[in-house]
């Protein structure tokens, strides 16, 4: 986990520089038709029930695309999964409406 700083407070969020990764993921969200893809996959995606709960469909779909676009190994995709979860929580907090 990253060390918390004064700049990590919400009041300073507007002054924070956007990283290349965040810019790329923002571009990916703008270009890809995520709702249409999710609606096609959702009926076949595992549901919460017995055993381990599945990762959210939207995060898993993004990881799948990143893994194939950049030829990532499974451990590298797992690192992307952790980052995407953090990013989705921070963007949901700032937007107020997006949930994953």
Protein backbone atom coordinates (compact mmCIF):
# COMPACT_ATOMS: atom_id res chain seq x y z
CA UNK A 1 0.00 0.00 0.00
CA UNK A 2 1.21 3.47 -0.84
CA UNK A 3 2.12 5.86 1.93
CA UNK A 4 -0.57 8.44 2.63
CA UNK A 5 0.44 12.05 2.19
CA UNK A 6 -1.24 15.39 2.64
CA UNK A 7 -1.80 15.46 -1.13
CA UNK A 8 -3.85 12.26 -0.91
CA UNK A 9 -6.64 14.12 0.89
CA UNK A 10 -9.75 14.78 -1.19
CA UNK A 11 -9.31 18.55 -1.00
CA UNK A 12 -5.98 18.27 -2.86
CA UNK A 13 -7.20 15.76 -5.47
CA UNK A 14 -7.71 18.47 -8.09
CA UNK A 15 -3.98 19.35 -7.94
CA UNK A 16 -2.76 15.78 -8.40
CA UNK A 17 -1.13 14.95 -11.73
CA UNK A 18 -2.74 12.08 -13.63
CA UNK A 19 -0.37 9.16 -14.27
CA UNK A 20 0.15 7.59 -17.70
CA UNK A 21 -1.63 4.47 -16.49
CA UNK A 22 -4.64 6.48 -15.35
CA UNK A 23 -4.70 8.35 -18.67
CA UNK A 24 -4.59 5.06 -20.59
CA UNK A 25 -7.34 3.47 -18.49
CA UNK A 26 -9.47 6.59 -18.91
CA UNK A 27 -8.99 6.43 -22.67
CA UNK A 28 -9.83 2.72 -22.62
CA UNK A 29 -13.06 3.44 -20.71
CA UNK A 30 -14.01 6.13 -23.21
CA UNK A 31 -13.36 4.03 -26.32
CA UNK A 32 -14.56 0.54 -25.39
CA UNK A 33 -18.30 -0.28 -25.33
CA UNK A 34 -18.15 -1.79 -21.81
CA UNK A 35 -21.91 -1.82 -21.07
CA UNK A 36 -22.67 -3.71 -24.29
CA UNK A 37 -19.91 -6.26 -23.65
CA UNK A 38 -20.96 -6.72 -20.03
CA UNK A 39 -24.59 -7.28 -21.02
CA UNK A 40 -23.51 -10.05 -23.43
CA UNK A 41 -21.30 -11.81 -20.86
CA UNK A 42 -23.33 -11.24 -17.68
CA UNK A 43 -25.82 -14.13 -18.17
CA UNK A 44 -22.90 -16.60 -18.39
CA UNK A 45 -20.68 -15.08 -15.69
CA UNK A 46 -20.51 -16.90 -12.32
CA UNK A 47 -22.85 -15.63 -9.63
CA UNK A 48 -22.24 -15.23 -5.92
CA UNK A 49 -23.14 -18.44 -4.17
CA UNK A 50 -21.26 -21.45 -2.92
CA UNK A 51 -17.51 -21.10 -2.65
CA UNK A 52 -15.29 -18.20 -3.45
CA UNK A 53 -17.05 -15.02 -4.64
CA UNK A 54 -16.21 -14.06 -8.23
CA UNK A 55 -14.37 -10.86 -9.17
CA UNK A 56 -16.68 -8.17 -10.52
CA UNK A 57 -17.51 -8.60 -14.19
CA UNK A 58 -16.42 -5.12 -15.24
CA UNK A 59 -12.99 -5.50 -13.61
CA UNK A 60 -12.49 -9.00 -14.98
CA UNK A 61 -13.42 -7.91 -18.50
CA UNK A 62 -10.93 -5.04 -18.39
CA UNK A 63 -8.20 -7.36 -17.08
CA UNK A 64 -8.91 -9.82 -19.89
CA UNK A 65 -8.54 -7.12 -22.54
CA UNK A 66 -5.37 -5.70 -20.95
CA UNK A 67 -3.88 -9.18 -20.73
CA UNK A 68 -4.40 -9.81 -24.45
CA UNK A 69 -3.46 -6.33 -25.66
CA UNK A 70 -0.16 -6.26 -23.77
CA UNK A 71 0.60 -10.00 -23.68
CA UNK A 72 0.62 -10.01 -19.87
CA UNK A 73 1.26 -13.14 -17.85
CA UNK A 74 -1.24 -14.17 -15.17
CA UNK A 75 0.81 -12.60 -12.31
CA UNK A 76 1.08 -9.34 -14.24
CA UNK A 77 -2.66 -9.42 -14.86
CA UNK A 78 -3.20 -10.01 -11.13
CA UNK A 79 -1.21 -6.84 -10.39
CA UNK A 80 -3.40 -5.01 -12.89
CA UNK A 81 -6.46 -6.37 -11.09
CA UNK A 82 -5.31 -4.86 -7.81
CA UNK A 83 -4.65 -1.52 -9.46
CA UNK A 84 -7.98 -1.53 -11.31
CA UNK A 85 -9.81 -2.19 -8.05
CA UNK A 86 -8.06 0.77 -6.41
CA UNK A 87 -8.73 2.97 -9.42
CA UNK A 88 -12.39 1.99 -9.62
CA UNK A 89 -12.90 2.79 -5.93
CA UNK A 90 -11.24 6.17 -6.28
CA UNK A 91 -13.15 7.05 -9.47
CA UNK A 92 -16.43 5.88 -7.92
CA UNK A 93 -15.73 8.13 -4.94
CA UNK A 94 -14.97 11.12 -7.17
CA UNK A 95 -17.85 10.51 -9.62
CA UNK A 96 -20.30 9.32 -7.01
CA UNK A 97 -22.23 7.15 -9.47
CA UNK A 98 -19.89 4.54 -10.87
CA UNK A 99 -19.76 1.22 -9.04
CA UNK A 100 -17.91 -2.00 -9.73
